């Protein structure tokens, strides 16, 4: 029998956006977690006694999760859907969030007990389960911050859309877990199995890293801008391929794409530190976070550049985070705008702008002849700076270009951090 829907009230579309945002961000973790259960099942079907125990524990947790989901939805019905005005919603939400945190903490506490037992029984699953636990906490923290900041926002439609987009990394991870589970089911070579498990573990840690960066931002500054086009978040699959290729050589060797992803996260965390330091010490809002820059923080490390399309997505994200997010033509990095750097210190930004505006997203042939020639010279100089004599034409050259751009970004944020510390 179908469950009776609650009666519609005035302003319910406003409340529905809140509810969907809540459930959308929560799915960042819950979706991939269900794929972890599939992975456990594959191993349990091999009749390993320890794995059967693990499978049983996780099934119990899954049942608990379903029960708590119903509790969450019940609380939503009792708070959000009974609120009629924004002021009332704000008061109801303050009472609702501690209850939600209590439910989430119960879930995390139960999972932590499983993780503790798994450490001695099934070592290869310990790190992966631990990362799910960590993700649950960071996801909840970010979700609560976002919802608290959304009360009274004039851009409620954007909140729902942003919540769905931010879950794209979790959805990609879930798809990867599902795909790798099928590969594991047919893998008989011990070295290959180890590489597959390692690819799952690394991907899980990257989900945690993305959640942690979003948590540091908290609430976006502006949600009025358009959402970027969907990107191919191909990092987990590229990592898996690279780890399988070196499976027999050295189990401690890091996949090249993993190294790049780590460097990207390090650079983003550095610029987030710079933004926080500017706010707290210098009363300067260095970065303004919008739909596009939030997506950039969430997705940049999951893009491995292999062709023109992925390069365009990668440069777009960098452009909206580092250039548009810092004031575009009135950059807040610069001393002239109250910042810390001279124009000559910002070569990374000018090169980023040239790559995007003179090649990837605009037709260089438009405009006056003199301007066209200058754009060509600028683009060629940038390519040579990045170690290429021409535009990349194959995957190896695209990968080399991404590595060079990331190195350039790292140098820029380190220079910015040093300047902030020195003042």
Protein backbone atom coordinates (compact mmCIF):
# COMPACT_ATOMS: atom_id res chain seq x y z
CA UNK A 1 0.00 0.00 0.00
CA UNK A 2 1.43 3.35 -1.00
CA UNK A 3 2.35 5.67 1.84
CA UNK A 4 -0.01 8.61 2.18
CA UNK A 5 1.63 11.88 1.24
CA UNK A 6 1.48 14.78 3.74
CA UNK A 7 -0.95 17.54 2.76
CA UNK A 8 0.48 20.36 0.73
CA UNK A 9 0.79 23.70 2.49
CA UNK A 10 1.59 27.18 1.33
CA UNK A 11 5.31 27.44 0.73
CA UNK A 12 5.87 23.69 0.59
CA UNK A 13 8.02 24.09 -2.54
CA UNK A 14 10.37 26.14 -0.36
CA UNK A 15 10.46 23.41 2.26
CA UNK A 16 10.83 20.65 -0.32
CA UNK A 17 14.02 22.33 -1.51
CA UNK A 18 15.35 22.13 2.04
CA UNK A 19 14.43 18.48 2.43
CA UNK A 20 15.91 17.51 -0.93
CA UNK A 21 19.10 19.43 -0.15
CA UNK A 22 19.43 17.54 3.12
CA UNK A 23 18.86 14.12 1.59
CA UNK A 24 20.94 14.98 -1.50
CA UNK A 25 24.07 15.82 0.47
CA UNK A 26 23.59 12.89 2.83
CA UNK A 27 23.58 10.58 -0.19
CA UNK A 28 27.20 11.62 -0.80
CA UNK A 29 28.08 8.99 1.78
CA UNK A 30 25.05 6.67 1.98
CA UNK A 31 25.10 5.87 -1.76
CA UNK A 32 28.71 4.69 -1.86
CA UNK A 33 28.22 2.84 1.44
CA UNK A 34 25.61 0.57 -0.12
CA UNK A 35 28.14 -0.30 -2.80
CA UNK A 36 30.57 -1.34 -0.07
CA UNK A 37 28.02 -3.95 0.95
CA UNK A 38 28.15 -5.38 -2.57
CA UNK A 39 31.91 -5.70 -2.22
CA UNK A 40 31.56 -7.57 1.08
CA UNK A 41 29.03 -9.91 -0.53
CA UNK A 42 31.45 -10.85 -3.30
CA UNK A 43 33.99 -11.98 -0.72
CA UNK A 44 31.38 -13.71 1.44
CA UNK A 45 30.26 -15.84 -1.50
CA UNK A 46 33.73 -17.38 -1.49
CA UNK A 47 32.67 -19.07 1.78
CA UNK A 48 35.37 -17.43 3.85
CA UNK A 49 34.10 -17.72 7.47
CA UNK A 50 35.50 -14.33 8.52
CA UNK A 51 33.89 -12.66 5.53
CA UNK A 52 30.56 -14.24 6.39
CA UNK A 53 30.82 -12.66 9.84
CA UNK A 54 31.66 -9.30 8.29
CA UNK A 55 28.75 -9.62 5.89
CA UNK A 56 26.41 -10.33 8.78
CA UNK A 57 27.63 -7.31 10.73
CA UNK A 58 27.22 -5.01 7.78
CA UNK A 59 23.74 -6.33 7.05
CA UNK A 60 22.80 -5.47 10.62
CA UNK A 61 24.16 -1.98 10.05
CA UNK A 62 22.20 -1.71 6.81
CA UNK A 63 19.02 -2.58 8.68
CA UNK A 64 19.86 0.02 11.33
CA UNK A 65 20.50 2.54 8.57
CA UNK A 66 17.05 1.93 7.09
CA UNK A 67 15.48 2.41 10.52
CA UNK A 68 17.34 5.66 11.11
CA UNK A 69 16.42 6.88 7.63
CA UNK A 70 12.78 6.51 8.62
CA UNK A 71 13.49 8.43 11.82
CA UNK A 72 15.11 11.23 9.84
CA UNK A 73 12.17 11.43 7.47
CA UNK A 74 9.82 11.42 10.46
CA UNK A 75 11.63 14.37 11.97
CA UNK A 76 11.47 16.15 8.63
CA UNK A 77 7.71 15.66 8.54
CA UNK A 78 7.46 16.94 12.10
CA UNK A 79 9.55 20.08 11.55
CA UNK A 80 10.16 21.22 7.99
CA UNK A 81 6.80 20.26 6.52
CA UNK A 82 4.87 21.91 9.35
CA UNK A 83 6.66 25.23 8.97
CA UNK A 84 4.84 27.95 7.07
CA UNK A 85 7.12 30.97 7.17
CA UNK A 86 10.83 31.51 6.83
CA UNK A 87 11.08 32.84 10.38
CA UNK A 88 9.28 29.79 11.72
CA UNK A 89 11.46 27.53 9.61
CA UNK A 90 14.61 29.08 11.04
CA UNK A 91 13.45 28.38 14.60
CA UNK A 92 12.31 24.85 13.76
CA UNK A 93 15.59 24.08 12.07
CA UNK A 94 17.66 25.08 15.09
CA UNK A 95 15.72 22.52 17.10
CA UNK A 96 15.93 19.91 14.34
CA UNK A 97 19.69 19.89 13.72
CA UNK A 98 20.76 18.53 17.14
CA UNK A 99 18.30 15.66 16.69
CA UNK A 100 19.74 14.92 13.26
CA UNK A 101 23.27 15.02 14.66
CA UNK A 102 22.22 12.56 17.35
CA UNK A 103 20.93 10.12 14.73
CA UNK A 104 24.06 10.47 12.65
CA UNK A 105 26.27 9.97 15.70
CA UNK A 106 24.42 6.76 16.56
CA UNK A 107 25.09 5.50 13.06
CA UNK A 108 28.77 6.48 13.23
CA UNK A 109 29.18 4.93 16.70
CA UNK A 110 27.77 1.62 15.50
CA UNK A 111 29.97 1.62 12.43
CA UNK A 112 33.03 2.43 14.53
CA UNK A 113 32.39 -0.69 16.60
CA UNK A 114 32.39 -2.72 13.39
CA UNK A 115 35.60 -1.05 12.26
CA UNK A 116 37.32 -1.88 15.57
CA UNK A 117 36.45 -5.58 15.23
CA UNK A 118 37.32 -5.63 11.54
CA UNK A 119 40.85 -4.43 12.27
CA UNK A 120 41.81 -7.80 13.75
CA UNK A 121 39.54 -10.04 11.67
CA UNK A 122 39.80 -8.56 8.19
CA UNK A 123 42.75 -6.13 7.98
CA UNK A 124 42.27 -5.39 4.28
CA UNK A 125 38.84 -3.88 5.02
CA UNK A 126 39.82 -1.83 8.05
CA UNK A 127 41.01 1.29 6.23
CA UNK A 128 38.10 1.27 3.84
CA UNK A 129 35.50 1.00 6.60
CA UNK A 130 37.34 3.62 8.64
CA UNK A 131 37.11 6.04 5.75
CA UNK A 132 33.36 5.49 5.49
CA UNK A 133 33.10 6.42 9.17
CA UNK A 134 35.19 9.56 8.67
CA UNK A 135 33.15 10.51 5.62
CA UNK A 136 29.94 10.21 7.59
CA UNK A 137 31.19 12.78 10.07
CA UNK A 138 32.54 15.30 7.55
CA UNK A 139 29.46 14.96 5.36
CA UNK A 140 27.14 15.62 8.32
CA UNK A 141 29.13 18.66 9.41
CA UNK A 142 29.06 20.18 5.94
CA UNK A 143 25.38 19.34 5.47
CA UNK A 144 24.43 21.05 8.72
CA UNK A 145 26.51 24.14 7.91
CA UNK A 146 24.96 24.41 4.48
CA UNK A 147 21.42 24.05 5.77
CA UNK A 148 21.95 26.57 8.56
CA UNK A 149 23.26 29.09 6.05
CA UNK A 150 20.37 28.44 3.69
CA UNK A 151 17.68 29.73 6.06
CA UNK A 152 16.24 32.86 4.50
CA UNK A 153 18.35 32.59 1.35
CA UNK A 154 16.75 34.14 -1.77
CA UNK A 155 18.26 31.42 -3.98
CA UNK A 156 16.53 28.30 -2.64
CA UNK A 157 16.24 26.61 -6.03
CA UNK A 158 20.03 26.79 -6.32
CA UNK A 159 20.47 25.03 -2.99
CA UNK A 160 18.67 21.94 -4.19
CA UNK A 161 20.63 21.98 -7.44
CA UNK A 162 23.94 22.47 -5.62
CA UNK A 163 23.19 19.60 -3.24
CA UNK A 164 22.56 17.29 -6.17
CA UNK A 165 25.72 18.43 -7.94
CA UNK A 166 27.93 18.06 -4.86
CA UNK A 167 26.82 14.44 -4.59
CA UNK A 168 28.28 13.76 -8.06
CA UNK A 169 31.62 12.74 -6.53
CA UNK A 170 29.85 10.27 -4.26
CA UNK A 171 27.84 8.92 -7.17
CA UNK A 172 31.01 8.44 -9.22
CA UNK A 173 32.62 6.64 -6.27
CA UNK A 174 29.56 4.40 -5.90
CA UNK A 175 29.70 3.52 -9.60
CA UNK A 176 33.40 2.77 -9.27
CA UNK A 177 32.83 0.49 -6.27
CA UNK A 178 30.11 -1.35 -8.18
CA UNK A 179 32.32 -1.75 -11.24
CA UNK A 180 35.36 -2.84 -9.22
CA UNK A 181 33.23 -5.35 -7.32
CA UNK A 182 32.44 -7.08 -10.59
CA UNK A 183 36.13 -7.09 -11.55
CA UNK A 184 37.05 -8.54 -8.14
CA UNK A 185 34.55 -11.34 -8.56
CA UNK A 186 36.55 -12.71 -11.49
CA UNK A 187 40.06 -11.83 -10.28
CA UNK A 188 42.14 -14.86 -9.25
CA UNK A 189 45.65 -13.37 -9.20
CA UNK A 190 46.58 -12.28 -5.68
CA UNK A 191 48.59 -9.28 -6.91
CA UNK A 192 45.67 -8.06 -9.02
CA UNK A 193 43.27 -8.52 -6.12
CA UNK A 194 45.60 -6.42 -3.97
CA UNK A 195 45.69 -3.68 -6.59
CA UNK A 196 41.89 -3.66 -6.83
CA UNK A 197 41.48 -3.44 -3.06
CA UNK A 198 44.04 -0.65 -2.98
CA UNK A 199 42.19 1.28 -5.69
CA UNK A 200 39.05 1.10 -3.51
CA UNK A 201 40.95 2.26 -0.45
CA UNK A 202 42.56 5.20 -2.27
CA UNK A 203 39.24 6.26 -3.80
CA UNK A 204 37.62 6.18 -0.36
CA UNK A 205 40.31 8.44 1.09
CA UNK A 206 39.74 10.91 -1.76
CA UNK A 207 36.02 11.08 -0.92
CA UNK A 208 37.01 12.03 2.63
CA UNK A 209 39.40 14.69 1.30
CA UNK A 210 36.66 16.26 -0.86
CA UNK A 211 34.21 16.31 2.07
CA UNK A 212 36.83 17.89 4.31
CA UNK A 213 37.53 20.72 1.85
CA UNK A 214 33.80 21.47 1.54
CA UNK A 215 33.52 21.47 5.33
CA UNK A 216 36.23 24.14 5.54
CA UNK A 217 34.24 26.41 3.23
CA UNK A 218 30.97 25.93 5.09
CA UNK A 219 28.26 28.03 3.47
CA UNK A 220 28.61 29.40 -0.10
CA UNK A 221 28.68 33.18 -0.45
CA UNK A 222 26.42 33.36 -3.52
CA UNK A 223 24.24 30.77 -5.26
CA UNK A 224 22.93 33.00 -8.06
CA UNK A 225 25.40 31.85 -10.72
CA UNK A 226 24.71 29.02 -13.15
CA UNK A 227 25.84 25.47 -12.48
CA UNK A 228 28.81 24.23 -14.58
CA UNK A 229 28.28 21.47 -17.11
CA UNK A 230 28.72 17.92 -15.76
CA UNK A 231 32.32 16.65 -15.77
CA UNK A 232 33.76 13.19 -16.29
CA UNK A 233 35.12 12.36 -12.83
CA UNK A 234 37.44 9.66 -14.10
CA UNK A 235 40.11 9.57 -11.37
CA UNK A 236 39.04 6.27 -9.70
CA UNK A 237 39.12 4.36 -12.99
CA UNK A 238 42.43 5.86 -14.12
CA UNK A 239 43.96 5.05 -10.72
CA UNK A 240 42.72 1.48 -10.91
CA UNK A 241 44.19 1.02 -14.38
CA UNK A 242 47.56 2.39 -13.24
CA UNK A 243 47.62 0.27 -10.07
CA UNK A 244 46.81 -2.88 -12.06
CA UNK A 245 49.67 -2.09 -14.44
CA UNK A 246 52.17 -1.96 -11.57
CA UNK A 247 50.55 -4.69 -9.44
CA UNK A 248 53.41 -7.15 -9.84
CA UNK A 249 56.15 -4.55 -9.51
CA UNK A 250 55.74 -2.75 -6.21
CA UNK A 251 52.67 -2.60 -4.00
CA UNK A 252 53.89 0.62 -2.36
CA UNK A 253 54.22 2.57 -5.61
CA UNK A 254 51.72 5.41 -5.94
CA UNK A 255 49.72 5.74 -9.14
CA UNK A 256 50.68 8.89 -11.12
CA UNK A 257 47.08 10.12 -11.09
CA UNK A 258 46.98 9.72 -7.30
CA UNK A 259 50.02 11.98 -6.94
CA UNK A 260 48.38 14.68 -9.05
CA UNK A 261 45.14 14.42 -7.06
CA UNK A 262 47.08 14.84 -3.80
CA UNK A 263 48.88 17.90 -5.19
CA UNK A 264 45.55 19.43 -6.27
CA UNK A 265 44.01 18.91 -2.83
CA UNK A 266 47.11 20.34 -1.16
CA UNK A 267 46.94 23.47 -3.32
CA UNK A 268 43.21 23.94 -2.68
CA UNK A 269 43.69 23.47 1.05
CA UNK A 270 46.45 26.07 0.94
CA UNK A 271 44.27 28.67 -0.77
CA UNK A 272 41.46 27.87 1.70
CA UNK A 273 43.95 28.54 4.51
CA UNK A 274 44.82 31.84 2.81
CA UNK A 275 41.15 32.78 2.59
CA UNK A 276 40.57 31.95 6.26
CA UNK A 277 43.68 33.86 7.36
CA UNK A 278 42.60 36.91 5.36
CA UNK A 279 39.16 36.88 7.01
CA UNK A 280 40.36 36.37 10.57
CA UNK A 281 43.55 38.47 10.58
CA UNK A 282 43.22 41.03 7.78
CA UNK A 283 39.40 41.43 7.51
CA UNK A 284 39.60 40.64 3.79
CA UNK A 285 37.28 38.27 1.95
CA UNK A 286 39.82 36.84 -0.45
CA UNK A 287 37.51 34.31 -2.12
CA UNK A 288 33.76 34.31 -2.71
CA UNK A 289 32.23 30.87 -3.06
CA UNK A 290 29.47 30.30 -5.59
CA UNK A 291 27.91 27.29 -7.31
CA UNK A 292 30.82 27.12 -9.74
CA UNK A 293 33.62 27.50 -7.21
CA UNK A 294 32.00 25.01 -4.80
CA UNK A 295 31.85 22.49 -7.64
CA UNK A 296 35.48 23.27 -8.44
CA UNK A 297 36.63 22.48 -4.90
CA UNK A 298 34.58 19.28 -4.91
CA UNK A 299 35.56 17.96 -8.35
CA UNK A 300 38.99 19.28 -9.38
CA UNK A 301 41.00 16.43 -7.86
CA UNK A 302 38.72 13.85 -9.53
CA UNK A 303 39.48 15.03 -13.08
CA UNK A 304 42.37 13.36 -14.90
CA UNK A 305 43.07 15.32 -18.08
CA UNK A 306 43.25 12.92 -21.03
CA UNK A 307 41.77 14.98 -23.88
CA UNK A 308 40.49 18.41 -24.86
CA UNK A 309 37.14 17.99 -23.12
CA UNK A 310 38.62 17.03 -19.75
CA UNK A 311 41.23 19.81 -20.08
CA UNK A 312 38.43 22.31 -20.67
CA UNK A 313 36.56 21.12 -17.56
CA UNK A 314 39.74 21.22 -15.48
CA UNK A 315 40.71 24.75 -16.59
CA UNK A 316 37.12 25.97 -16.13
CA UNK A 317 37.11 24.82 -12.52
CA UNK A 318 40.49 26.46 -11.85
CA UNK A 319 39.35 29.66 -13.55
CA UNK A 320 36.17 30.03 -11.49
CA UNK A 321 37.87 29.13 -8.21
CA UNK A 322 41.11 31.11 -8.47
CA UNK A 323 40.24 33.94 -10.90
CA UNK A 324 36.50 34.66 -10.86
CA UNK A 325 36.23 33.69 -7.20
CA UNK A 326 38.89 36.26 -6.28
CA UNK A 327 37.35 39.21 -8.12
CA UNK A 328 38.20 38.60 -11.79
CA UNK A 329 39.27 41.95 -13.25
CA UNK A 330 39.59 43.38 -9.71
CA UNK A 331 41.64 40.61 -8.13
CA UNK A 332 41.76 40.71 -4.34
CA UNK A 333 45.16 38.97 -4.41
CA UNK A 334 46.76 42.16 -5.71
CA UNK A 335 48.18 44.89 -3.49
CA UNK A 336 46.20 47.41 -5.52
CA UNK A 337 43.03 45.70 -4.29
CA UNK A 338 44.14 45.41 -0.69
CA UNK A 339 45.91 42.09 -1.21
CA UNK A 340 49.45 40.81 -1.01
CA UNK A 341 50.88 40.23 -4.50
CA UNK A 342 52.15 42.17 -7.48
CA UNK A 343 50.82 41.38 -10.98
CA UNK A 344 54.11 39.66 -11.82
CA UNK A 345 53.43 37.19 -8.98
CA UNK A 346 50.18 36.09 -10.63
CA UNK A 347 51.51 34.47 -13.81
CA UNK A 348 49.48 31.34 -13.07
CA UNK A 349 46.25 33.35 -13.27
CA UNK A 350 47.19 35.05 -16.54
CA UNK A 351 48.17 31.71 -18.10
CA UNK A 352 44.91 30.20 -16.88
CA UNK A 353 42.98 33.04 -18.47
CA UNK A 354 44.85 32.67 -21.76
CA UNK A 355 44.26 28.90 -21.93
CA UNK A 356 40.56 29.36 -21.37
CA UNK A 357 39.82 32.54 -23.31
CA UNK A 358 42.32 32.15 -26.15
CA UNK A 359 41.76 28.45 -26.82
CA UNK A 360 39.48 26.18 -24.83
CA UNK A 361 36.30 28.24 -24.48
CA UNK A 362 36.56 30.96 -27.12
CA UNK A 363 37.37 31.20 -30.83
CA UNK A 364 40.73 32.91 -31.12
CA UNK A 365 39.92 34.03 -34.67
CA UNK A 366 37.30 36.52 -33.49
CA UNK A 367 38.42 40.14 -33.14
CA UNK A 368 40.83 42.47 -34.86
CA UNK A 369 43.93 41.06 -36.57
CA UNK A 370 46.32 42.67 -34.11
CA UNK A 371 44.46 41.18 -31.14
CA UNK A 372 44.32 37.76 -32.81
CA UNK A 373 48.07 37.72 -33.28
CA UNK A 374 48.66 38.77 -29.68
CA UNK A 375 46.36 36.01 -28.42
CA UNK A 376 48.27 33.47 -30.49
CA UNK A 377 51.59 34.67 -29.12
CA UNK A 378 50.30 34.61 -25.55
CA UNK A 379 48.93 31.09 -25.94
CA UNK A 380 52.13 29.82 -27.54
CA UNK A 381 54.22 31.36 -24.76
CA UNK A 382 52.01 29.67 -22.16
CA UNK A 383 52.27 26.27 -23.84
CA UNK A 384 56.05 26.61 -23.98
CA UNK A 385 56.09 27.64 -20.31
CA UNK A 386 54.30 24.36 -19.60
CA UNK A 387 56.84 22.38 -21.64
CA UNK A 388 54.90 21.93 -24.90
CA UNK A 389 55.80 23.25 -28.34
CA UNK A 390 52.23 22.91 -29.60
CA UNK A 391 48.73 22.08 -28.37
CA UNK A 392 48.55 18.54 -26.94
CA UNK A 393 47.41 15.88 -29.40
CA UNK A 394 47.47 12.65 -27.36
CA UNK A 395 46.76 11.46 -23.82
CA UNK A 396 50.40 11.58 -22.75
CA UNK A 397 50.73 15.24 -23.76
CA UNK A 398 47.44 16.15 -22.06
CA UNK A 399 48.61 14.45 -18.85
CA UNK A 400 51.93 16.32 -19.01
CA UNK A 401 50.08 19.61 -19.45
CA UNK A 402 47.87 18.93 -16.41
CA UNK A 403 50.92 18.12 -14.29
CA UNK A 404 52.59 21.37 -15.35
CA UNK A 405 49.44 23.41 -14.59
CA UNK A 406 49.19 21.81 -11.13
CA UNK A 407 52.84 22.63 -10.45
CA UNK A 408 52.15 26.23 -11.51
CA UNK A 409 49.10 26.38 -9.21
CA UNK A 410 51.14 24.99 -6.31
CA UNK A 411 53.83 27.62 -6.80
CA UNK A 412 51.20 30.38 -6.87
CA UNK A 413 49.40 29.36 -3.67
CA UNK A 414 52.69 28.88 -1.83
CA UNK A 415 53.75 32.38 -2.87
CA UNK A 416 50.40 33.76 -1.71
CA UNK A 417 50.63 31.96 1.62
CA UNK A 418 54.14 33.24 2.24
CA UNK A 419 53.06 36.82 1.49
CA UNK A 420 50.12 36.56 3.89
CA UNK A 421 52.32 35.16 6.65
CA UNK A 422 54.91 37.89 6.11
CA UNK A 423 52.47 40.78 6.58
